[in-house]
C-alpha atoms as a PDB file:
ATOM      1  CA  UNK A   1      77.659 132.879  92.044  1.00  0.00           C
ATOM      2  CA  UNK A   2      78.758 132.831  88.402  1.00  0.00           C
ATOM      3  CA  UNK A   3      82.125 134.238  89.421  1.00  0.00           C
ATOM      4  CA  UNK A   4      82.487 131.558  92.100  1.00  0.00           C
ATOM      5  CA  UNK A   5      81.772 128.829  89.558  1.00  0.00           C
ATOM      6  CA  UNK A   6      84.336 130.342  87.186  1.00  0.00           C
ATOM      7  CA  UNK A   7      86.863 130.708  90.011  1.00  0.00           C
ATOM      8  CA  UNK A   8      86.356 127.066  90.963  1.00  0.00           C
ATOM      9  CA  UNK A   9      87.033 126.034  87.341  1.00  0.00           C
ATOM     10  CA  UNK A  10      90.111 128.272  87.099  1.00  0.00           C
ATOM     11  CA  UNK A  11      91.618 126.920  90.306  1.00  0.00           C
ATOM     12  CA  UNK A  12      90.836 123.314  89.387  1.00  0.00           C
ATOM     13  CA  UNK A  13      92.132 123.527  85.800  1.00  0.00           C
ATOM     14  CA  UNK A  14      95.027 125.877  86.522  1.00  0.00           C
ATOM     15  CA  UNK A  15      94.582 127.638  83.187  1.00  0.00           C
ATOM     16  CA  UNK A  16      92.243 130.010  81.400  1.00  0.00           C
ATOM     17  CA  UNK A  17      91.944 127.649  78.433  1.00  0.00           C
ATOM     18  CA  UNK A  18      91.032 124.637  80.562  1.00  0.00           C
ATOM     19  CA  UNK A  19      88.449 126.588  82.552  1.00  0.00           C
ATOM     20  CA  UNK A  20      86.967 128.003  79.333  1.00  0.00           C
ATOM     21  CA  UNK A  21      86.625 124.510  77.825  1.00  0.00           C
ATOM     22  CA  UNK A  22      84.912 123.216  80.957  1.00  0.00           C
ATOM     23  CA  UNK A  23      82.416 126.071  81.057  1.00  0.00           C
ATOM     24  CA  UNK A  24      81.872 126.051  77.281  1.00  0.00           C
ATOM     25  CA  UNK A  25      82.957 129.671  76.769  1.00  0.00           C
ATOM     26  CA  UNK A  26      85.755 131.237  74.743  1.00  0.00           C
ATOM     27  CA  UNK A  27      89.202 131.850  76.236  1.00  0.00           C
ATOM     28  CA  UNK A  28      88.836 135.657  75.851  1.00  0.00           C
ATOM     29  CA  UNK A  29      85.532 135.508  77.755  1.00  0.00           C
ATOM     30  CA  UNK A  30      87.173 133.500  80.554  1.00  0.00           C
ATOM     31  CA  UNK A  31      90.083 135.980  80.615  1.00  0.00           C
ATOM     32  CA  UNK A  32      87.600 138.803  81.149  1.00  0.00           C
ATOM     33  CA  UNK A  33      85.966 136.821  83.963  1.00  0.00           C
ATOM     34  CA  UNK A  34      89.363 136.303  85.585  1.00  0.00           C
ATOM     35  CA  UNK A  35      89.950 140.057  85.387  1.00  0.00           C
ATOM     36  CA  UNK A  36      86.628 140.639  87.201  1.00  0.00           C
ATOM     37  CA  UNK A  37      87.632 138.118  89.896  1.00  0.00           C
ATOM     38  CA  UNK A  38      90.999 139.835  90.283  1.00  0.00           C
ATOM     39  CA  UNK A  39      89.305 143.202  90.631  1.00  0.00           C
ATOM     40  CA  UNK A  40      86.848 141.852  93.211  1.00  0.00           C
ATOM     41  CA  UNK A  41      89.433 140.009  95.320  1.00  0.00           C
ATOM     42  CA  UNK A  42      92.410 142.311  94.846  1.00  0.00           C
ATOM     43  CA  UNK A  43      94.543 139.260  94.041  1.00  0.00           C
ATOM     44  CA  UNK A  44      96.071 137.968  90.794  1.00  0.00           C
ATOM     45  CA  UNK A  45      94.627 134.454  91.445  1.00  0.00           C
ATOM     46  CA  UNK A  46      96.744 132.873  88.666  1.00  0.00           C
ATOM     47  CA  UNK A  47     100.221 134.066  87.657  1.00  0.00           C
ATOM     48  CA  UNK A  48     102.333 132.902  84.750  1.00  0.00           C
ATOM     49  CA  UNK A  49     105.391 130.818  85.641  1.00  0.00           C
ATOM     50  CA  UNK A  50     107.188 129.900  82.449  1.00  0.00           C
ATOM     51  CA  UNK A  51     104.776 128.184  80.080  1.00  0.00           C
ATOM     52  CA  UNK A  52     102.221 127.465  82.786  1.00  0.00           C
ATOM     53  CA  UNK A  53     100.104 129.360  85.298  1.00  0.00           C
ATOM     54  CA  UNK A  54     100.309 128.856  89.044  1.00  0.00           C
ATOM     55  CA  UNK A  55      97.821 129.839  91.767  1.00  0.00           C
ATOM     56  CA  UNK A  56      98.806 132.557  94.185  1.00  0.00           C
ATOM     57  CA  UNK A  57      99.038 131.822  97.937  1.00  0.00           C
ATOM     58  CA  UNK A  58      95.634 133.472  98.371  1.00  0.00           C
ATOM     59  CA  UNK A  59      94.132 131.279  95.643  1.00  0.00           C
ATOM     60  CA  UNK A  60      95.556 128.163  97.279  1.00  0.00           C
ATOM     61  CA  UNK A  61      94.122 129.235 100.626  1.00  0.00           C
ATOM     62  CA  UNK A  62      90.568 129.653  99.308  1.00  0.00           C
ATOM     63  CA  UNK A  63      90.497 126.824  96.743  1.00  0.00           C
ATOM     64  CA  UNK A  64      88.869 124.175  98.944  1.00  0.00           C
ATOM     65  CA  UNK A  65      86.355 126.641 100.402  1.00  0.00           C
ATOM     66  CA  UNK A  66      85.368 127.902  96.943  1.00  0.00           C
ATOM     67  CA  UNK A  67      84.853 124.350  95.703  1.00  0.00           C
ATOM     68  CA  UNK A  68      82.802 123.447  98.798  1.00  0.00           C
ATOM     69  CA  UNK A  69      80.516 126.474  98.277  1.00  0.00           C
ATOM     70  CA  UNK A  70      80.027 125.693  94.567  1.00  0.00           C
ATOM     71  CA  UNK A  71      79.386 122.001  95.216  1.00  0.00           C
ATOM     72  CA  UNK A  72      76.888 122.815  97.956  1.00  0.00           C
ATOM     73  CA  UNK A  73      75.043 125.292  95.730  1.00  0.00           C
ATOM     74  CA  UNK A  74      74.872 122.789  92.883  1.00  0.00           C
ATOM     75  CA  UNK A  75      73.498 120.141  95.246  1.00  0.00           C
ATOM     76  CA  UNK A  76      70.795 122.524  96.505  1.00  0.00           C
ATOM     77  CA  UNK A  77      69.738 123.402  92.969  1.00  0.00           C
ATOM     78  CA  UNK A  78      69.832 119.768  91.882  1.00  0.00           C
ATOM     79  CA  UNK A  79      67.338 118.815  94.567  1.00  0.00           C
ATOM     80  CA  UNK A  80      64.919 121.404  93.174  1.00  0.00           C
ATOM     81  CA  UNK A  81      64.968 119.776  89.739  1.00  0.00           C
ATOM     82  CA  UNK A  82      62.858 116.747  88.914  1.00  0.00           C
ATOM     83  CA  UNK A  83      65.184 114.228  87.298  1.00  0.00           C
ATOM     84  CA  UNK A  84      63.579 112.020  84.665  1.00  0.00           C
ATOM     85  CA  UNK A  85      65.990 109.763  82.710  1.00  0.00           C
ATOM     86  CA  UNK A  86      63.380 109.292  79.966  1.00  0.00           C
ATOM     87  CA  UNK A  87      63.392 113.048  79.283  1.00  0.00           C
ATOM     88  CA  UNK A  88      67.166 113.387  79.377  1.00  0.00           C
ATOM     89  CA  UNK A  89      69.050 114.209  76.185  1.00  0.00           C
ATOM     90  CA  UNK A  90      72.674 113.637  77.038  1.00  0.00           C
ATOM     91  CA  UNK A  91      75.709 111.866  75.646  1.00  0.00           C
ATOM     92  CA  UNK A  92      77.595 109.848  78.274  1.00  0.00           C
ATOM     93  CA  UNK A  93      81.230 108.898  77.731  1.00  0.00           C
ATOM     94  CA  UNK A  94      82.785 105.872  79.444  1.00  0.00           C
ATOM     95  CA  UNK A  95      86.454 104.992  79.043  1.00  0.00           C
ATOM     96  CA  UNK A  96      87.688 101.429  79.577  1.00  0.00           C
ATOM     97  CA  UNK A  97      89.781  98.696  77.987  1.00  0.00           C
ATOM     98  CA  UNK A  98      88.388  96.507  75.226  1.00  0.00           C
ATOM     99  CA  UNK A  99      87.558  93.419  77.289  1.00  0.00           C
ATOM    100  CA  UNK A 100      85.485  95.476  79.714  1.00  0.00           C
ATOM    101  CA  UNK A 101      83.706  97.137  76.786  1.00  0.00           C
ATOM    102  CA  UNK A 102      82.841  93.702  75.357  1.00  0.00           C
ATOM    103  CA  UNK A 103      81.744  92.274  78.706  1.00  0.00           C
ATOM    104  CA  UNK A 104      79.738  95.230  80.011  1.00  0.00           C
ATOM    105  CA  UNK A 105      79.122  97.561  77.069  1.00  0.00           C
ATOM    106  CA  UNK A 106      75.965  95.722  75.904  1.00  0.00           C
ATOM    107  CA  UNK A 107      74.447  96.007  79.393  1.00  0.00           C
ATOM    108  CA  UNK A 108      75.296  99.718  79.590  1.00  0.00           C
ATOM    109  CA  UNK A 109      73.674 100.336  76.221  1.00  0.00           C
ATOM    110  CA  UNK A 110      70.598  98.267  77.136  1.00  0.00           C
ATOM    111  CA  UNK A 111      70.082 100.301  80.322  1.00  0.00           C
ATOM    112  CA  UNK A 112      70.406 103.541  78.411  1.00  0.00           C
ATOM    113  CA  UNK A 113      68.032 102.519  75.620  1.00  0.00           C
ATOM    114  CA  UNK A 114      65.464 101.240  78.117  1.00  0.00           C
ATOM    115  CA  UNK A 115      65.480 104.082  80.651  1.00  0.00           C
ATOM    116  CA  UNK A 116      66.930 107.038  78.729  1.00  0.00           C
ATOM    117  CA  UNK A 117      66.154 106.444  75.025  1.00  0.00           C
ATOM    118  CA  UNK A 118      66.886 110.043  74.066  1.00  0.00           C
ATOM    119  CA  UNK A 119      70.457 109.839  75.353  1.00  0.00           C
ATOM    120  CA  UNK A 120      73.507 108.202  73.789  1.00  0.00           C
ATOM    121  CA  UNK A 121      76.600 106.304  74.891  1.00  0.00           C
ATOM    122  CA  UNK A 122      80.212 106.762  73.801  1.00  0.00           C
ATOM    123  CA  UNK A 123      82.729 104.095  74.853  1.00  0.00           C
ATOM    124  CA  UNK A 124      86.349 105.169  74.431  1.00  0.00           C
ATOM    125  CA  UNK A 125      89.451 103.011  74.467  1.00  0.00           C
ATOM    126  CA  UNK A 126      92.102 103.631  77.063  1.00  0.00           C
ATOM    127  CA  UNK A 127      94.840 105.956  75.868  1.00  0.00           C
ATOM    128  CA  UNK A 128      98.430 104.762  75.517  1.00  0.00           C
ATOM    129  CA  UNK A 129      99.527 107.375  78.058  1.00  0.00           C
ATOM    130  CA  UNK A 130      97.875 108.811  81.152  1.00  0.00           C
ATOM    131  CA  UNK A 131      95.596 111.621  80.029  1.00  0.00           C
ATOM    132  CA  UNK A 132      93.454 114.222  81.840  1.00  0.00           C
ATOM    133  CA  UNK A 133      90.134 113.453  80.101  1.00  0.00           C
ATOM    134  CA  UNK A 134      88.251 113.195  83.410  1.00  0.00           C
ATOM    135  CA  UNK A 135      89.509 116.592  84.526  1.00  0.00           C
ATOM    136  CA  UNK A 136      88.812 118.188  81.158  1.00  0.00           C
ATOM    137  CA  UNK A 137      85.257 116.862  81.056  1.00  0.00           C
ATOM    138  CA  UNK A 138      85.854 114.692  77.982  1.00  0.00           C
ATOM    139  CA  UNK A 139      85.088 111.484  79.908  1.00  0.00           C
ATOM    140  CA  UNK A 140      82.267 111.002  82.420  1.00  0.00           C
ATOM    141  CA  UNK A 141      83.409 107.713  83.902  1.00  0.00           C
ATOM    142  CA  UNK A 142      86.577 105.648  83.713  1.00  0.00           C
ATOM    143  CA  UNK A 143      86.325 101.922  84.467  1.00  0.00           C
ATOM    144  CA  UNK A 144      89.542 100.076  85.238  1.00  0.00           C
ATOM    145  CA  UNK A 145      91.580  98.392  87.946  1.00  0.00           C
ATOM    146  CA  UNK A 146      93.437 101.415  89.354  1.00  0.00           C
ATOM    147  CA  UNK A 147      92.308 103.305  92.444  1.00  0.00           C
ATOM    148  CA  UNK A 148      93.028 107.021  91.886  1.00  0.00           C
ATOM    149  CA  UNK A 149      95.150 108.990  94.333  1.00  0.00           C
ATOM    150  CA  UNK A 150      94.373 112.504  93.073  1.00  0.00           C
ATOM    151  CA  UNK A 151      92.228 114.571  95.430  1.00  0.00           C
ATOM    152  CA  UNK A 152      89.887 115.779  92.670  1.00  0.00           C
ATOM    153  CA  UNK A 153      88.999 112.252  91.512  1.00  0.00           C
ATOM    154  CA  UNK A 154      86.390 110.144  93.276  1.00  0.00           C
ATOM    155  CA  UNK A 155      85.960 106.397  92.890  1.00  0.00           C
ATOM    156  CA  UNK A 156      83.888 103.363  93.818  1.00  0.00           C
ATOM    157  CA  UNK A 157      84.956  99.715  93.778  1.00  0.00           C
ATOM    158  CA  UNK A 158      82.197  97.911  91.902  1.00  0.00           C
ATOM    159  CA  UNK A 159      83.491  94.323  92.026  1.00  0.00           C
ATOM    160  CA  UNK A 160      86.578  92.263  91.397  1.00  0.00           C
ATOM    161  CA  UNK A 161      88.115  89.872  88.900  1.00  0.00           C
ATOM    162  CA  UNK A 162      91.031  87.455  88.912  1.00  0.00           C
ATOM    163  CA  UNK A 163      93.815  86.681  86.478  1.00  0.00           C
ATOM    164  CA  UNK A 164      93.973  83.509  84.407  1.00  0.00           C
ATOM    165  CA  UNK A 165      96.152  82.101  81.633  1.00  0.00           C
ATOM    166  CA  UNK A 166      94.796  81.630  78.097  1.00  0.00           C
ATOM    167  CA  UNK A 167      96.299  79.629  75.230  1.00  0.00           C
ATOM    168  CA  UNK A 168      95.295  77.930  71.997  1.00  0.00           C
ATOM    169  CA  UNK A 169      93.988  74.326  72.175  1.00  0.00           C
ATOM    170  CA  UNK A 170      97.090  73.060  70.345  1.00  0.00           C
ATOM    171  CA  UNK A 171      99.494  74.519  72.912  1.00  0.00           C
ATOM    172  CA  UNK A 172     101.651  71.818  74.558  1.00  0.00           C
ATOM    173  CA  UNK A 173     100.410  72.971  77.973  1.00  0.00           C
ATOM    174  CA  UNK A 174      96.707  72.994  77.053  1.00  0.00           C
ATOM    175  CA  UNK A 175      94.653  70.793  79.338  1.00  0.00           C
ATOM    176  CA  UNK A 176      97.483  70.405  81.814  1.00  0.00           C
ATOM    177  CA  UNK A 177      97.827  71.890  85.273  1.00  0.00           C
ATOM    178  CA  UNK A 178     100.376  74.671  85.091  1.00  0.00           C
ATOM    179  CA  UNK A 179     103.251  74.768  87.534  1.00  0.00           C
ATOM    180  CA  UNK A 180     105.382  77.837  88.140  1.00  0.00           C
ATOM    181  CA  UNK A 181     108.278  76.244  86.252  1.00  0.00           C
ATOM    182  CA  UNK A 182     106.237  75.075  83.252  1.00  0.00           C
ATOM    183  CA  UNK A 183     104.605  78.490  83.076  1.00  0.00           C
ATOM    184  CA  UNK A 184     107.956  80.305  83.189  1.00  0.00           C
ATOM    185  CA  UNK A 185     109.477  77.994  80.577  1.00  0.00           C
ATOM    186  CA  UNK A 186     106.822  78.845  77.964  1.00  0.00           C
ATOM    187  CA  UNK A 187     106.788  81.832  75.598  1.00  0.00           C
ATOM    188  CA  UNK A 188     104.435  84.681  76.408  1.00  0.00           C
ATOM    189  CA  UNK A 189     102.575  87.719  75.086  1.00  0.00           C
ATOM    190  CA  UNK A 190     101.718  90.636  77.390  1.00  0.00           C
ATOM    191  CA  UNK A 191      98.835  93.094  77.292  1.00  0.00           C
ATOM    192  CA  UNK A 192     100.277  96.605  77.418  1.00  0.00           C
ATOM    193  CA  UNK A 193      98.835  99.794  75.960  1.00  0.00           C
ATOM    194  CA  UNK A 194     102.373 101.222  76.195  1.00  0.00           C
ATOM    195  CA  UNK A 195     104.092  98.289  74.519  1.00  0.00           C
ATOM    196  CA  UNK A 196     105.877  97.003  77.601  1.00  0.00           C
ATOM    197  CA  UNK A 197     107.386  93.516  77.457  1.00  0.00           C
ATOM    198  CA  UNK A 198     107.160  93.024  81.210  1.00  0.00           C
ATOM    199  CA  UNK A 199     104.484  93.354  83.889  1.00  0.00           C
ATOM    200  CA  UNK A 200     104.016  92.491  87.601  1.00  0.00           C
ATOM    201  CA  UNK A 201     104.023  88.757  86.753  1.00  0.00           C
ATOM    202  CA  UNK A 202     107.741  89.051  85.985  1.00  0.00           C
ATOM    203  CA  UNK A 203     108.381  90.432  89.475  1.00  0.00           C
ATOM    204  CA  UNK A 204     106.554  87.480  91.032  1.00  0.00           C
ATOM    205  CA  UNK A 205     108.632  85.061  88.969  1.00  0.00           C
ATOM    206  CA  UNK A 206     111.862  86.876  89.859  1.00  0.00           C
ATOM    207  CA  UNK A 207     111.020  86.494  93.557  1.00  0.00           C
ATOM    208  CA  UNK A 208     111.195  82.734  92.972  1.00  0.00           C
ATOM    209  CA  UNK A 209     114.396  82.946  90.962  1.00  0.00           C
ATOM    210  CA  UNK A 210     112.617  82.440  87.632  1.00  0.00           C
ATOM    211  CA  UNK A 211     112.135  84.452  84.450  1.00  0.00           C
ATOM    212  CA  UNK A 212     110.105  84.057  81.269  1.00  0.00           C
ATOM    213  CA  UNK A 213     110.532  84.988  77.619  1.00  0.00           C
ATOM    214  CA  UNK A 214     108.011  87.531  76.392  1.00  0.00           C
ATOM    215  CA  UNK A 215     107.859  87.249  72.610  1.00  0.00           C
ATOM    216  CA  UNK A 216     105.459  90.133  72.022  1.00  0.00           C
ATOM    217  CA  UNK A 217     103.161  92.725  73.547  1.00  0.00           C
ATOM    218  CA  UNK A 218      99.710  93.777  72.328  1.00  0.00           C
ATOM    219  CA  UNK A 219      97.773  96.966  73.119  1.00  0.00           C
ATOM    220  CA  UNK A 220      94.456  95.257  73.888  1.00  0.00           C
ATOM    221  CA  UNK A 221      93.202  92.034  75.424  1.00  0.00           C
ATOM    222  CA  UNK A 222      91.601  91.008  72.125  1.00  0.00           C
ATOM    223  CA  UNK A 223      94.830  91.506  70.174  1.00  0.00           C
ATOM    224  CA  UNK A 224      96.840  89.558  72.757  1.00  0.00           C
ATOM    225  CA  UNK A 225      94.330  86.684  72.679  1.00  0.00           C
ATOM    226  CA  UNK A 226      94.512  86.645  68.875  1.00  0.00           C
ATOM    227  CA  UNK A 227      98.298  86.327  69.072  1.00  0.00           C
ATOM    228  CA  UNK A 228      98.017  83.539  71.644  1.00  0.00           C
ATOM    229  CA  UNK A 229      95.448  81.815  69.445  1.00  0.00           C
ATOM    230  CA  UNK A 230      97.817  81.836  66.467  1.00  0.00           C
ATOM    231  CA  UNK A 231     101.016  80.632  68.151  1.00  0.00           C
ATOM    232  CA  UNK A 232     102.266  78.708  71.163  1.00  0.00           C
ATOM    233  CA  UNK A 233     102.087  81.688  73.500  1.00  0.00           C
ATOM    234  CA  UNK A 234     100.579  82.127  76.951  1.00  0.00           C
ATOM    235  CA  UNK A 235      98.755  85.316  77.910  1.00  0.00           C
ATOM    236  CA  UNK A 236      97.513  86.463  81.317  1.00  0.00           C
ATOM    237  CA  UNK A 237      94.102  88.169  81.181  1.00  0.00           C
ATOM    238  CA  UNK A 238      91.289  89.018  83.622  1.00  0.00           C
ATOM    239  CA  UNK A 239      89.063  85.954  83.848  1.00  0.00           C
ATOM    240  CA  UNK A 240      85.531  87.369  83.972  1.00  0.00           C
ATOM    241  CA  UNK A 241      85.874  90.321  81.616  1.00  0.00           C
ATOM    242  CA  UNK A 242      87.774  88.219  79.062  1.00  0.00           C
ATOM    243  CA  UNK A 243      85.396  85.234  79.110  1.00  0.00           C
ATOM    244  CA  UNK A 244      83.385  86.402  76.091  1.00  0.00           C
ATOM    245  CA  UNK A 245      86.500  86.856  73.951  1.00  0.00           C
ATOM    246  CA  UNK A 246      88.133  83.641  75.178  1.00  0.00           C
ATOM    247  CA  UNK A 247      85.018  81.603  74.387  1.00  0.00           C
ATOM    248  CA  UNK A 248      84.551  83.228  70.989  1.00  0.00           C
ATOM    249  CA  UNK A 249      88.126  82.352  70.036  1.00  0.00           C
ATOM    250  CA  UNK A 250      87.761  78.819  71.476  1.00  0.00           C
ATOM    251  CA  UNK A 251      90.874  79.190  73.628  1.00  0.00           C
ATOM    252  CA  UNK A 252      91.844  77.038  76.578  1.00  0.00           C
ATOM    253  CA  UNK A 253      92.387  78.495  80.034  1.00  0.00           C
ATOM    254  CA  UNK A 254      94.318  77.530  83.136  1.00  0.00           C
ATOM    255  CA  UNK A 255      94.852  78.905  86.610  1.00  0.00           C
ATOM    256  CA  UNK A 256      97.809  81.231  86.987  1.00  0.00           C
ATOM    257  CA  UNK A 257     100.302  79.337  89.205  1.00  0.00           C
ATOM    258  CA  UNK A 258     101.265  82.470  91.130  1.00  0.00           C
ATOM    259  CA  UNK A 259      99.737  84.136  94.164  1.00  0.00           C
ATOM    260  CA  UNK A 260      98.128  87.335  92.869  1.00  0.00           C
ATOM    261  CA  UNK A 261      95.552  89.580  94.493  1.00  0.00           C
ATOM    262  CA  UNK A 262      92.106  89.973  92.892  1.00  0.00           C
ATOM    263  CA  UNK A 263      91.752  92.841  90.446  1.00  0.00           C
ATOM    264  CA  UNK A 264      89.256  95.490  91.555  1.00  0.00           C
ATOM    265  CA  UNK A 265      86.766  96.900  89.065  1.00  0.00           C
ATOM    266  CA  UNK A 266      86.981 100.611  89.813  1.00  0.00           C
ATOM    267  CA  UNK A 267      84.743 103.412  88.574  1.00  0.00           C
ATOM    268  CA  UNK A 268      86.435 106.829  88.663  1.00  0.00           C
ATOM    269  CA  UNK A 269      84.919 110.255  88.045  1.00  0.00           C
ATOM    270  CA  UNK A 270      85.760 113.905  88.638  1.00  0.00           C
ATOM    271  CA  UNK A 271      84.381 115.455  91.795  1.00  0.00           C
ATOM    272  CA  UNK A 272      82.519 118.115  89.782  1.00  0.00           C
ATOM    273  CA  UNK A 273      80.002 115.402  88.845  1.00  0.00           C
ATOM    274  CA  UNK A 274      79.304 114.266  92.388  1.00  0.00           C
ATOM    275  CA  UNK A 275      76.156 116.371  92.739  1.00  0.00           C
ATOM    276  CA  UNK A 276      74.883 115.760  89.191  1.00  0.00           C
ATOM    277  CA  UNK A 277      71.754 113.534  89.309  1.00  0.00           C
ATOM    278  CA  UNK A 278      72.268 112.352  85.722  1.00  0.00           C
ATOM    279  CA  UNK A 279      75.829 111.320  86.469  1.00  0.00           C
ATOM    280  CA  UNK A 280      74.709 109.610  89.676  1.00  0.00           C
ATOM    281  CA  UNK A 281      72.154 107.693  87.580  1.00  0.00           C
ATOM    282  CA  UNK A 282      74.924 106.634  85.166  1.00  0.00           C
ATOM    283  CA  UNK A 283      77.093 105.408  88.043  1.00  0.00           C
ATOM    284  CA  UNK A 284      74.159 103.437  89.419  1.00  0.00           C
ATOM    285  CA  UNK A 285      73.515 101.761  86.049  1.00  0.00           C
ATOM    286  CA  UNK A 286      77.182 100.837  85.651  1.00  0.00           C
ATOM    287  CA  UNK A 287      77.332  99.512  89.214  1.00  0.00           C
ATOM    288  CA  UNK A 288      74.245  97.350  88.658  1.00  0.00           C
ATOM    289  CA  UNK A 289      75.694  95.923  85.450  1.00  0.00           C
ATOM    290  CA  UNK A 290      78.875  94.898  87.255  1.00  0.00           C
ATOM    291  CA  UNK A 291      76.843  93.368  90.082  1.00  0.00           C
ATOM    292  CA  UNK A 292      74.761  91.297  87.648  1.00  0.00           C
ATOM    293  CA  UNK A 293      77.853  90.300  85.683  1.00  0.00           C
ATOM    294  CA  UNK A 294      79.628  89.221  88.864  1.00  0.00           C
ATOM    295  CA  UNK A 295      76.642  87.167  89.988  1.00  0.00           C
ATOM    296  CA  UNK A 296      76.198  85.479  86.597  1.00  0.00           C
ATOM    297  CA  UNK A 297      79.875  84.567  86.305  1.00  0.00           C
ATOM    298  CA  UNK A 298      80.290  83.338  89.893  1.00  0.00           C
ATOM    299  CA  UNK A 299      81.099  79.680  90.142  1.00  0.00           C
ATOM    300  CA  UNK A 300      82.374  79.312  86.601  1.00  0.00           C
ATOM    301  CA  UNK A 301      85.469  77.131  86.348  1.00  0.00           C
END
């Protein structure tokens, strides 16, 4: 069984180092385990191709079956354990953007302190580039608006939000109903962790033969709102998750004069956690916080 668990990690990570980090053992120890698996199966399992390692045809053929066996065994053992959040000593890591952390972080922490006081919470900012923290076990749960397409990532849609426009009270358009043309004619700031000066709003404007001038980009919602609060700039932000920041900065808001779909609030986790009762408890707490937040903010203008 230990070899199956190690084999599952090796095939999922595609490297000895990644599997060793997941199983909290040294790389030499994982290399010795791989040698045992090779001896048992008569197959190389992973072979070096350049700077990386690739699974053999045999490894590819058994990968799903190995994972299914390991997952099933973990689920059987989990049912034998009595799960008590109050007795749990665990550090949970949630990754999300700053507005979500402000809107929901206090509720996450309150749930943890109430039901699992011996555990702790780490909230990480989103990275500027796509990173494999979920696969590497560095992040338990990612909360965002993107539905994953990778087979090893699971997700749940917890709720939805909608986009709105924020601006300072002194902005010439404050208090007025925005039209597509008045919106496009203004100066703008975008929210982009990668520093992009364009986003899907520009594509919607281009479809109507319009364009806008983006004066700046900011890496977080809070930074973009600060820029909009200091100059005559418009910024598009999620309405519900940004409400706390918008109100604190005393900014004005308006409806975005473009047809955009609601933004889903998506929780994403690695499939290795699917049978973990503590992780299931975390997902439940996060889901309840989004449900309460959605209910409390419904009907706001």
